[in-house]
Structure formats: structure tokens, C-alpha cells
Amino acid sequence: MFTTVRVAVPEDASRLLSIERSAAQAFRAFEGLSWLADSPPMPVERHLELIERSTCWVAIDAENRPQGFLSADIYGRDLHIHELSVRHTLQGQGIGRQLVQTAQAYVELNELHALTLTTFKDVPWNAPFYARLGFQIESDQYVNERLSTLLNEEYEHGFPVGSRCAMVWRAGEQF
């Protein structure tokens, strides 16, 4: 499949909701996480904020239709991934990898320190996927306050305690 990654534009925002809903269907296969398939996506207003900051990228097909996206925001000297979603039927074809590599390149080009995220430890397309792209799990004693707060908020919203981790990719590392 032909895929190109570009910076998202405001017209993409509403399309990202259906991509996120589609991507979440993969969680139906995991006991205790299937409820995520029915969770509401990131609000379109939040997508528009990140698009305005040029920290949202879309993977498009040959007809310029978004098939996946990565939404991030800058916190200090870090770029934090809020959402990475690829249409369920297209997962496993390298689209997510392209999007993450685009964010890694952005970190380096903008002389930021790191790319961060929170994710599930044991879901194959979460922590193991990011580890293959050079991310490292931050041990609890080294998780900074921002990431620790995010993890705690995720647990308060229903994620099983201990199921999540903070991961960091530091600029200058290979990808």
C-alpha cells in the first residue's frame, strides 16, 4: 500500500476520529481491555490544537486520505505522543512505524531532548512495538513528574493498575 506521511491540516481533524475508533477495535482481543474499543476518541478540538501546533502527522494513501495519525505536543524539551492510531485493517503494514519515525525526526530537527509516551506494557503493538523503535521503559524511580502524573490519571480512568508504563526515546539514538 502506498503511504506518505505529512503534517496534518485542519480538514483532517474530523477524519482522525474514525481512524482512532477503527484502531481501537484491536483491543477487543484483550480480556480486560475490550472496553477501549467503545471509548470515545480524542475530541476534534484537541486534534485541531495539535494540528495548529504542527505536531500532528497523518499517513495518507494515494488519494490523500488519512489512514493513520500521530498526535503529539511539546512539554519543555520533550515531544509527547498523545495518540498513535492506524486503521484496524491496515495495522501491521509499517504505517505506525513511519509515523513514529516522523516524530523522531521532528525531535532531532527541532533539537528537542526526547520523545515520550505512556502505553501498555504487555500489548504487542504497544511497549514491545515502541521498544523495537528504540524507546526504553523508564523505571518507576526515574519517571519524571509529568509522566508519573499521566500514568496516575490513566489508572484513575480505568486502566488496570500496573498495566501501563512510560517510555522514552532520546534524541541522538538510532531509529
C-alpha atoms as a PDB file:
ATOM      1  CA  MET A   1       0.000   0.000   0.000  1.00  0.00           C
ATOM      2  CA  PHE A   2       1.244   3.485  -0.901  1.00  0.00           C
ATOM      3  CA  THR A   3       1.592   5.662   2.194  1.00  0.00           C
ATOM      4  CA  THR A   4       3.107   9.091   2.673  1.00  0.00           C
ATOM      5  CA  VAL A   5       3.347  10.983   5.951  1.00  0.00           C
ATOM      6  CA  ARG A   6       2.591  14.696   6.030  1.00  0.00           C
ATOM      7  CA  VAL A   7       1.738  17.311   8.631  1.00  0.00           C
ATOM      8  CA  ALA A   8      -1.993  17.243   9.344  1.00  0.00           C
ATOM      9  CA  VAL A   9      -4.190  20.128   8.215  1.00  0.00           C
ATOM     10  CA  PRO A  10      -7.461  21.310   9.826  1.00  0.00           C
ATOM     11  CA  GLU A  11      -9.538  19.435   7.218  1.00  0.00           C
ATOM     12  CA  ASP A  12      -8.047  16.171   8.546  1.00  0.00           C
ATOM     13  CA  ALA A  13      -9.267  16.647  12.130  1.00  0.00           C
ATOM     14  CA  SER A  14     -12.718  15.090  11.775  1.00  0.00           C
ATOM     15  CA  ARG A  15     -11.278  12.110   9.848  1.00  0.00           C
ATOM     16  CA  LEU A  16      -8.933  11.289  12.711  1.00  0.00           C
ATOM     17  CA  LEU A  17     -11.873  10.329  14.942  1.00  0.00           C
ATOM     18  CA  SER A  18     -12.882   7.417  12.711  1.00  0.00           C
ATOM     19  CA  ILE A  19      -9.258   6.253  12.438  1.00  0.00           C
ATOM     20  CA  GLU A  20      -8.924   6.203  16.227  1.00  0.00           C
ATOM     21  CA  ARG A  21     -12.221   4.301  16.613  1.00  0.00           C
ATOM     22  CA  SER A  22     -11.109   1.781  13.984  1.00  0.00           C
ATOM     23  CA  ALA A  23      -7.670   1.315  15.557  1.00  0.00           C
ATOM     24  CA  ALA A  24      -9.194   0.706  18.980  1.00  0.00           C
ATOM     25  CA  GLN A  25     -11.059  -2.354  17.690  1.00  0.00           C
ATOM     26  CA  ALA A  26      -7.804  -4.306  18.115  1.00  0.00           C
ATOM     27  CA  PHE A  27      -8.349  -4.103  21.900  1.00  0.00           C
ATOM     28  CA  ARG A  28     -11.410  -6.370  21.613  1.00  0.00           C
ATOM     29  CA  ALA A  29      -8.946  -9.287  21.544  1.00  0.00           C
ATOM     30  CA  PHE A  30      -7.628  -8.483  25.043  1.00  0.00           C
ATOM     31  CA  GLU A  31      -9.616  -9.504  28.078  1.00  0.00           C
ATOM     32  CA  GLY A  32      -9.974  -6.558  30.406  1.00  0.00           C
ATOM     33  CA  LEU A  33      -9.218  -4.028  27.672  1.00  0.00           C
ATOM     34  CA  SER A  34     -12.098  -4.583  25.252  1.00  0.00           C
ATOM     35  CA  TRP A  35     -13.889  -1.566  26.738  1.00  0.00           C
ATOM     36  CA  LEU A  36     -11.301   0.618  24.963  1.00  0.00           C
ATOM     37  CA  ALA A  37     -12.885  -0.315  21.619  1.00  0.00           C
ATOM     38  CA  ASP A  38     -16.012   1.576  22.699  1.00  0.00           C
ATOM     39  CA  SER A  39     -14.269   4.547  24.334  1.00  0.00           C
ATOM     40  CA  PRO A  40     -14.687   7.985  22.805  1.00  0.00           C
ATOM     41  CA  PRO A  41     -11.801   9.213  20.655  1.00  0.00           C
ATOM     42  CA  MET A  42      -9.765  12.322  21.348  1.00  0.00           C
ATOM     43  CA  PRO A  43     -12.056  15.340  20.828  1.00  0.00           C
ATOM     44  CA  VAL A  44     -11.809  17.052  17.441  1.00  0.00           C
ATOM     45  CA  GLU A  45     -10.996  20.313  19.262  1.00  0.00           C
ATOM     46  CA  ARG A  46      -7.872  18.725  20.750  1.00  0.00           C
ATOM     47  CA  HIS A  47      -6.862  17.429  17.321  1.00  0.00           C
ATOM     48  CA  LEU A  48      -7.238  20.948  15.945  1.00  0.00           C
ATOM     49  CA  GLU A  49      -4.999  22.354  18.713  1.00  0.00           C
ATOM     50  CA  LEU A  50      -2.243  19.876  17.873  1.00  0.00           C
ATOM     51  CA  ILE A  51      -2.690  20.426  14.141  1.00  0.00           C
ATOM     52  CA  GLU A  52      -2.307  24.175  14.713  1.00  0.00           C
ATOM     53  CA  ARG A  53       0.975  23.485  16.560  1.00  0.00           C
ATOM     54  CA  SER A  54       2.186  21.290  13.652  1.00  0.00           C
ATOM     55  CA  THR A  55       2.659  18.329  15.999  1.00  0.00           C
ATOM     56  CA  CYS A  56       0.150  16.053  14.322  1.00  0.00           C
ATOM     57  CA  TRP A  57       1.056  13.940  11.311  1.00  0.00           C
ATOM     58  CA  VAL A  58      -1.110  11.797   9.054  1.00  0.00           C
ATOM     59  CA  ALA A  59      -0.236   8.815   6.907  1.00  0.00           C
ATOM     60  CA  ILE A  60      -2.155   9.211   3.664  1.00  0.00           C
ATOM     61  CA  ASP A  61      -2.950   6.877   0.801  1.00  0.00           C
ATOM     62  CA  ALA A  62      -2.589   7.683  -2.916  1.00  0.00           C
ATOM     63  CA  GLU A  63      -5.880   9.633  -2.823  1.00  0.00           C
ATOM     64  CA  ASN A  64      -4.673  11.822   0.094  1.00  0.00           C
ATOM     65  CA  ARG A  65      -6.991  10.059   2.563  1.00  0.00           C
ATOM     66  CA  PRO A  66      -5.631   9.712   6.114  1.00  0.00           C
ATOM     67  CA  GLN A  67      -5.107   6.081   7.131  1.00  0.00           C
ATOM     68  CA  GLY A  68      -3.265   6.710  10.391  1.00  0.00           C
ATOM     69  CA  PHE A  69      -2.061   9.572  12.557  1.00  0.00           C
ATOM     70  CA  LEU A  70       0.244  10.535  15.378  1.00  0.00           C
ATOM     71  CA  SER A  71      -0.738  13.436  17.638  1.00  0.00           C
ATOM     72  CA  ALA A  72       1.860  14.901  19.964  1.00  0.00           C
ATOM     73  CA  ASP A  73       2.632  18.039  21.932  1.00  0.00           C
ATOM     74  CA  ILE A  74       5.755  19.712  23.256  1.00  0.00           C
ATOM     75  CA  TYR A  75       6.392  19.804  27.009  1.00  0.00           C
ATOM     76  CA  GLY A  76       9.605  21.601  27.848  1.00  0.00           C
ATOM     77  CA  ARG A  77      12.246  19.927  25.678  1.00  0.00           C
ATOM     78  CA  ASP A  78      10.228  16.752  25.070  1.00  0.00           C
ATOM     79  CA  LEU A  79       7.707  15.843  22.403  1.00  0.00           C
ATOM     80  CA  HIS A  80       4.999  13.646  23.959  1.00  0.00           C
ATOM     81  CA  ILE A  81       2.901  11.264  21.851  1.00  0.00           C
ATOM     82  CA  HIS A  82      -0.737  11.515  22.925  1.00  0.00           C
ATOM     83  CA  GLU A  83      -2.140   9.180  20.294  1.00  0.00           C
ATOM     84  CA  LEU A  84      -0.882   6.894  17.557  1.00  0.00           C
ATOM     85  CA  SER A  85      -3.661   5.219  15.571  1.00  0.00           C
ATOM     86  CA  VAL A  86      -3.778   3.274  12.311  1.00  0.00           C
ATOM     87  CA  ARG A  87      -6.978   1.939  10.759  1.00  0.00           C
ATOM     88  CA  HIS A  88      -7.555  -1.572  12.088  1.00  0.00           C
ATOM     89  CA  THR A  89      -7.463  -3.180   8.638  1.00  0.00           C
ATOM     90  CA  LEU A  90      -4.081  -1.574   7.873  1.00  0.00           C
ATOM     91  CA  GLN A  91      -2.260  -2.344  11.104  1.00  0.00           C
ATOM     92  CA  GLY A  92       0.968  -4.292  10.838  1.00  0.00           C
ATOM     93  CA  GLN A  93       1.971  -2.765   7.496  1.00  0.00           C
ATOM     94  CA  GLY A  94       4.541  -0.251   8.762  1.00  0.00           C
ATOM     95  CA  ILE A  95       2.307   2.819   8.890  1.00  0.00           C
ATOM     96  CA  GLY A  96       2.712   3.255  12.646  1.00  0.00           C
ATOM     97  CA  ARG A  97       6.474   2.867  12.281  1.00  0.00           C
ATOM     98  CA  GLN A  98       6.543   5.614   9.618  1.00  0.00           C
ATOM     99  CA  LEU A  99       4.573   7.939  11.872  1.00  0.00           C
ATOM    100  CA  VAL A 100       6.827   7.332  14.883  1.00  0.00           C
ATOM    101  CA  GLN A 101       9.951   7.815  12.760  1.00  0.00           C
ATOM    102  CA  THR A 102       8.499  11.133  11.568  1.00  0.00           C
ATOM    103  CA  ALA A 103       8.070  12.239  15.195  1.00  0.00           C
ATOM    104  CA  GLN A 104      11.620  11.073  15.997  1.00  0.00           C
ATOM    105  CA  ALA A 105      12.956  13.129  13.099  1.00  0.00           C
ATOM    106  CA  TYR A 106      10.957  16.141  14.339  1.00  0.00           C
ATOM    107  CA  VAL A 107      12.576  15.797  17.776  1.00  0.00           C
ATOM    108  CA  GLU A 108      16.042  15.779  16.244  1.00  0.00           C
ATOM    109  CA  LEU A 109      15.400  18.576  13.725  1.00  0.00           C
ATOM    110  CA  ASN A 110      13.981  20.811  16.450  1.00  0.00           C
ATOM    111  CA  GLU A 111      16.797  19.957  18.875  1.00  0.00           C
ATOM    112  CA  LEU A 112      14.414  18.579  21.475  1.00  0.00           C
ATOM    113  CA  HIS A 113      15.659  16.195  24.149  1.00  0.00           C
ATOM    114  CA  ALA A 114      13.289  13.224  23.852  1.00  0.00           C
ATOM    115  CA  LEU A 115      10.119  11.648  22.528  1.00  0.00           C
ATOM    116  CA  THR A 116       7.918  10.307  25.341  1.00  0.00           C
ATOM    117  CA  LEU A 117       4.692   8.342  25.707  1.00  0.00           C
ATOM    118  CA  THR A 118       2.680   6.159  28.045  1.00  0.00           C
ATOM    119  CA  THR A 119       1.462   2.782  26.851  1.00  0.00           C
ATOM    120  CA  PHE A 120       0.504  -0.760  27.813  1.00  0.00           C
ATOM    121  CA  LYS A 121       3.395  -2.946  28.917  1.00  0.00           C
ATOM    122  CA  ASP A 122       2.083  -6.251  27.579  1.00  0.00           C
ATOM    123  CA  VAL A 123       0.062  -5.396  24.461  1.00  0.00           C
ATOM    124  CA  PRO A 124       2.174  -6.428  21.414  1.00  0.00           C
ATOM    125  CA  TRP A 125       1.567  -3.253  19.425  1.00  0.00           C
ATOM    126  CA  ASN A 126       2.314  -1.062  22.448  1.00  0.00           C
ATOM    127  CA  ALA A 127       5.506  -1.295  24.573  1.00  0.00           C
ATOM    128  CA  PRO A 128       7.110  -4.099  22.508  1.00  0.00           C
ATOM    129  CA  PHE A 129       6.461  -2.126  19.294  1.00  0.00           C
ATOM    130  CA  TYR A 130       7.989   1.051  20.705  1.00  0.00           C
ATOM    131  CA  ALA A 131      10.977  -0.871  22.087  1.00  0.00           C
ATOM    132  CA  ARG A 132      11.767  -2.046  18.552  1.00  0.00           C
ATOM    133  CA  LEU A 133      11.905   1.641  17.563  1.00  0.00           C
ATOM    134  CA  GLY A 134      14.455   2.496  20.248  1.00  0.00           C
ATOM    135  CA  PHE A 135      12.191   3.517  23.142  1.00  0.00           C
ATOM    136  CA  GLN A 136      13.100   2.423  26.654  1.00  0.00           C
ATOM    137  CA  ILE A 137      10.770   1.828  29.571  1.00  0.00           C
ATOM    138  CA  GLU A 138      11.507   4.288  32.331  1.00  0.00           C
ATOM    139  CA  SER A 139      11.765   2.536  35.670  1.00  0.00           C
ATOM    140  CA  ASP A 140       9.369   3.875  38.298  1.00  0.00           C
ATOM    141  CA  GLN A 141      12.165   5.618  40.184  1.00  0.00           C
ATOM    142  CA  TYR A 142      13.209   7.590  37.072  1.00  0.00           C
ATOM    143  CA  VAL A 143       9.804   8.567  35.671  1.00  0.00           C
ATOM    144  CA  ASN A 144       9.570  12.347  35.718  1.00  0.00           C
ATOM    145  CA  GLU A 145       6.678  14.135  37.390  1.00  0.00           C
ATOM    146  CA  ARG A 146       4.796  14.827  34.137  1.00  0.00           C
ATOM    147  CA  LEU A 147       4.842  11.185  33.045  1.00  0.00           C
ATOM    148  CA  SER A 148       4.060   9.948  36.560  1.00  0.00           C
ATOM    149  CA  THR A 149       1.020  12.238  36.670  1.00  0.00           C
ATOM    150  CA  LEU A 150      -0.150  10.933  33.283  1.00  0.00           C
ATOM    151  CA  LEU A 151       0.167   7.312  34.426  1.00  0.00           C
ATOM    152  CA  ASN A 152      -1.800   8.048  37.603  1.00  0.00           C
ATOM    153  CA  GLU A 153      -4.535   9.793  35.596  1.00  0.00           C
ATOM    154  CA  GLU A 154      -4.763   6.776  33.285  1.00  0.00           C
ATOM    155  CA  TYR A 155      -5.232   4.449  36.258  1.00  0.00           C
ATOM    156  CA  GLU A 156      -7.923   6.766  37.636  1.00  0.00           C
ATOM    157  CA  HIS A 157      -9.738   6.495  34.277  1.00  0.00           C
ATOM    158  CA  GLY A 158      -9.944   2.711  34.416  1.00  0.00           C
ATOM    159  CA  PHE A 159      -6.681   1.280  33.140  1.00  0.00           C
ATOM    160  CA  PRO A 160      -5.618  -1.715  35.253  1.00  0.00           C
ATOM    161  CA  VAL A 161      -3.059  -0.606  37.841  1.00  0.00           C
ATOM    162  CA  GLY A 162       0.439  -1.652  36.824  1.00  0.00           C
ATOM    163  CA  SER A 163      -0.538  -2.284  33.185  1.00  0.00           C
ATOM    164  CA  ARG A 164       0.979   0.927  31.843  1.00  0.00           C
ATOM    165  CA  CYS A 165       4.487   2.289  31.537  1.00  0.00           C
ATOM    166  CA  ALA A 166       6.269   5.452  30.486  1.00  0.00           C
ATOM    167  CA  MET A 167       8.675   5.106  27.583  1.00  0.00           C
ATOM    168  CA  VAL A 168      11.327   7.478  26.301  1.00  0.00           C
ATOM    169  CA  TRP A 169      13.312   7.754  23.083  1.00  0.00           C
ATOM    170  CA  ARG A 170      16.220  10.122  23.476  1.00  0.00           C
ATOM    171  CA  ALA A 171      17.413  12.251  20.573  1.00  0.00           C
ATOM    172  CA  GLY A 172      20.642  11.065  19.043  1.00  0.00           C
ATOM    173  CA  GLU A 173      19.754   7.376  19.371  1.00  0.00           C
ATOM    174  CA  GLN A 174      19.371   5.288  16.231  1.00  0.00           C
ATOM    175  CA  PHE A 175      15.919   4.645  14.759  1.00  0.00           C
END
